Amino acid sequence: MPYKSRIKTLEESVRLLDNQIFNLEKSSGDPEKIKKLKETKDKYFTELRLMNRAQWDNDHNTVDFGDDR
């Protein structure tokens, strides 16, 4: 659970950046701004992958022996 809120924030940020990049490319926007937005999106996406992995590790960190002992 500790990473869930950060994961949601990063997913939303990546989605918003995708929309901004798409709209700028469609309207022939400033190439330098598009490049910076893509770099930011890549940075967020990399962090998102790390957070997803950390969450998975946290979720699977314990061994459940159940009541079969």
N, C-alpha and C. Protein backbone atom coordinates (compact mmCIF):
# COMPACT_ATOMS: atom_id res chain seq x y z
N MET A 1 0.78 -1.21 0.00
CA MET A 1 0.00 0.00 0.00
C MET A 1 0.83 1.28 0.00
N PRO A 2 2.06 1.26 0.45
CA PRO A 2 2.77 2.53 0.61
C PRO A 2 3.05 3.26 -0.70
N TYR A 3 3.00 2.57 -1.83
CA TYR A 3 3.35 3.21 -3.09
C TYR A 3 2.13 3.57 -3.95
N LYS A 4 0.96 3.15 -3.52
CA LYS A 4 -0.25 3.30 -4.34
C LYS A 4 -0.55 4.75 -4.73
N SER A 5 -0.46 5.67 -3.79
CA SER A 5 -0.81 7.06 -4.10
C SER A 5 0.20 7.67 -5.08
N ARG A 6 1.47 7.36 -4.91
CA ARG A 6 2.49 7.87 -5.83
C ARG A 6 2.29 7.28 -7.22
N ILE A 7 1.93 6.02 -7.29
CA ILE A 7 1.68 5.37 -8.58
C ILE A 7 0.52 6.06 -9.29
N LYS A 8 -0.56 6.33 -8.56
CA LYS A 8 -1.71 7.02 -9.17
C LYS A 8 -1.33 8.41 -9.67
N THR A 9 -0.54 9.13 -8.88
CA THR A 9 -0.11 10.47 -9.27
C THR A 9 0.74 10.41 -10.54
N LEU A 10 1.66 9.46 -10.59
CA LEU A 10 2.52 9.33 -11.78
C LEU A 10 1.71 8.92 -13.00
N GLU A 11 0.77 7.99 -12.84
CA GLU A 11 -0.07 7.59 -13.97
C GLU A 11 -0.85 8.77 -14.53
N GLU A 12 -1.39 9.58 -13.64
CA GLU A 12 -2.14 10.76 -14.07
C GLU A 12 -1.23 11.77 -14.76
N SER A 13 -0.02 11.96 -14.22
CA SER A 13 0.93 12.89 -14.83
C SER A 13 1.33 12.45 -16.22
N VAL A 14 1.59 11.16 -16.38
CA VAL A 14 1.96 10.63 -17.70
C VAL A 14 0.81 10.82 -18.68
N ARG A 15 -0.41 10.55 -18.23
CA ARG A 15 -1.58 10.72 -19.10
C ARG A 15 -1.75 12.17 -19.53
N LEU A 16 -1.60 13.10 -18.59
CA LEU A 16 -1.73 14.52 -18.93
C LEU A 16 -0.63 14.97 -19.89
N LEU A 17 0.58 14.50 -19.66
CA LEU A 17 1.68 14.87 -20.56
C LEU A 17 1.45 14.29 -21.95
N ASP A 18 0.93 13.08 -22.03
CA ASP A 18 0.59 12.50 -23.34
C ASP A 18 -0.39 13.39 -24.09
N ASN A 19 -1.41 13.86 -23.38
CA ASN A 19 -2.41 14.73 -24.01
C ASN A 19 -1.78 16.05 -24.46
N GLN A 20 -0.93 16.65 -23.62
CA GLN A 20 -0.27 17.91 -23.99
C GLN A 20 0.62 17.72 -25.22
N ILE A 21 1.39 16.65 -25.22
CA ILE A 21 2.29 16.38 -26.35
C ILE A 21 1.49 16.17 -27.62
N PHE A 22 0.42 15.39 -27.53
CA PHE A 22 -0.42 15.13 -28.70
C PHE A 22 -1.00 16.44 -29.25
N ASN A 23 -1.53 17.28 -28.37
CA ASN A 23 -2.13 18.54 -28.82
C ASN A 23 -1.09 19.48 -29.43
N LEU A 24 0.11 19.53 -28.84
CA LEU A 24 1.16 20.38 -29.40
C LEU A 24 1.64 19.88 -30.75
N GLU A 25 1.78 18.56 -30.88
CA GLU A 25 2.21 18.00 -32.17
C GLU A 25 1.14 18.22 -33.23
N LYS A 26 -0.12 18.12 -32.84
CA LYS A 26 -1.22 18.31 -33.78
C LYS A 26 -1.29 19.75 -34.27
N SER A 27 -0.97 20.69 -33.38
CA SER A 27 -1.07 22.10 -33.75
C SER A 27 0.27 22.69 -34.19
N SER A 28 1.24 21.82 -34.47
CA SER A 28 2.58 22.26 -34.88
C SER A 28 3.17 23.23 -33.87
N GLY A 29 3.18 22.80 -32.62
CA GLY A 29 3.70 23.62 -31.53
C GLY A 29 5.21 23.71 -31.54
N ASP A 30 5.74 24.37 -30.55
CA ASP A 30 7.17 24.59 -30.39
C ASP A 30 7.89 23.25 -30.20
N PRO A 31 8.81 22.90 -31.13
CA PRO A 31 9.51 21.61 -31.02
C PRO A 31 10.35 21.48 -29.74
N GLU A 32 10.89 22.60 -29.26
CA GLU A 32 11.70 22.55 -28.04
C GLU A 32 10.82 22.21 -26.82
N LYS A 33 9.63 22.78 -26.78
CA LYS A 33 8.71 22.49 -25.68
C LYS A 33 8.25 21.03 -25.73
N ILE A 34 7.99 20.54 -26.94
CA ILE A 34 7.58 19.15 -27.11
C ILE A 34 8.69 18.22 -26.63
N LYS A 35 9.92 18.56 -26.97
CA LYS A 35 11.06 17.74 -26.55
C LYS A 35 11.17 17.69 -25.03
N LYS A 36 11.01 18.85 -24.37
CA LYS A 36 11.09 18.90 -22.91
C LYS A 36 9.95 18.11 -22.26
N LEU A 37 8.76 18.21 -22.84
CA LEU A 37 7.63 17.45 -22.30
C LEU A 37 7.87 15.94 -22.44
N LYS A 38 8.43 15.53 -23.57
CA LYS A 38 8.73 14.11 -23.77
C LYS A 38 9.79 13.62 -22.78
N GLU A 39 10.79 14.45 -22.51
CA GLU A 39 11.81 14.08 -21.53
C GLU A 39 11.20 13.94 -20.14
N THR A 40 10.32 14.87 -19.79
CA THR A 40 9.65 14.80 -18.49
C THR A 40 8.77 13.56 -18.40
N LYS A 41 8.06 13.27 -19.48
CA LYS A 41 7.20 12.08 -19.51
C LYS A 41 8.05 10.82 -19.33
N ASP A 42 9.19 10.75 -20.00
CA ASP A 42 10.07 9.59 -19.86
C ASP A 42 10.56 9.44 -18.43
N LYS A 43 10.90 10.56 -17.81
CA LYS A 43 11.36 10.53 -16.42
C LYS A 43 10.25 10.01 -15.49
N TYR A 44 9.03 10.52 -15.68
CA TYR A 44 7.89 10.07 -14.87
C TYR A 44 7.60 8.60 -15.12
N PHE A 45 7.68 8.18 -16.39
CA PHE A 45 7.38 6.80 -16.73
C PHE A 45 8.40 5.85 -16.10
N THR A 46 9.66 6.26 -16.09
CA THR A 46 10.70 5.45 -15.46
C THR A 46 10.44 5.32 -13.96
N GLU A 47 10.09 6.43 -13.33
CA GLU A 47 9.78 6.39 -11.90
C GLU A 47 8.54 5.53 -11.65
N LEU A 48 7.56 5.61 -12.54
CA LEU A 48 6.35 4.80 -12.41
C LEU A 48 6.68 3.32 -12.45
N ARG A 49 7.55 2.92 -13.36
CA ARG A 49 7.97 1.52 -13.43
C ARG A 49 8.65 1.09 -12.13
N LEU A 50 9.51 1.95 -11.59
CA LEU A 50 10.19 1.64 -10.33
C LEU A 50 9.20 1.52 -9.17
N MET A 51 8.23 2.41 -9.13
CA MET A 51 7.23 2.37 -8.07
C MET A 51 6.36 1.11 -8.18
N ASN A 52 5.99 0.74 -9.41
CA ASN A 52 5.21 -0.48 -9.60
C ASN A 52 5.99 -1.70 -9.14
N ARG A 53 7.28 -1.72 -9.45
CA ARG A 53 8.12 -2.84 -9.02
C ARG A 53 8.25 -2.86 -7.49
N ALA A 54 8.45 -1.70 -6.90
CA ALA A 54 8.56 -1.62 -5.44
C ALA A 54 7.27 -2.06 -4.78
N GLN A 55 6.13 -1.68 -5.35
CA GLN A 55 4.84 -2.10 -4.80
C GLN A 55 4.69 -3.60 -4.91
N TRP A 56 5.07 -4.16 -6.05
CA TRP A 56 4.98 -5.60 -6.23
C TRP A 56 5.86 -6.32 -5.21
N ASP A 57 7.09 -5.83 -5.05
CA ASP A 57 8.00 -6.42 -4.06
C ASP A 57 7.41 -6.34 -2.66
N ASN A 58 6.81 -5.21 -2.33
CA ASN A 58 6.20 -5.04 -1.01
C ASN A 58 5.02 -5.99 -0.82
N ASP A 59 4.22 -6.16 -1.86
CA ASP A 59 3.07 -7.05 -1.77
C ASP A 59 3.48 -8.51 -1.63
N HIS A 60 4.61 -8.88 -2.22
CA HIS A 60 5.04 -10.28 -2.24
C HIS A 60 6.22 -10.55 -1.31
N ASN A 61 6.43 -9.67 -0.37
CA ASN A 61 7.58 -9.77 0.53
C ASN A 61 7.40 -10.81 1.63
N THR A 62 6.17 -11.14 1.95
CA THR A 62 5.91 -12.07 3.03
C THR A 62 5.51 -13.43 2.49
N VAL A 63 5.79 -14.45 3.25
CA VAL A 63 5.41 -15.81 2.89
C VAL A 63 4.25 -16.23 3.77
N ASP A 64 3.19 -16.67 3.15
CA ASP A 64 2.02 -17.11 3.87
C ASP A 64 2.07 -18.63 4.03
N PHE A 65 2.33 -19.08 5.26
CA PHE A 65 2.39 -20.51 5.52
C PHE A 65 1.01 -21.10 5.77
N GLY A 66 0.05 -20.27 5.99
CA GLY A 66 -1.30 -20.73 6.23
C GLY A 66 -1.42 -21.47 7.56
N ASP A 67 -2.43 -22.29 7.69
CA ASP A 67 -2.66 -23.06 8.93
C ASP A 67 -2.22 -24.51 8.79
N ASP A 68 -1.44 -24.84 7.78
CA ASP A 68 -1.07 -26.23 7.52
C ASP A 68 0.13 -26.71 8.31
N ARG A 69 0.62 -25.96 9.26
CA ARG A 69 1.83 -26.37 9.98
C ARG A 69 1.59 -27.55 10.87
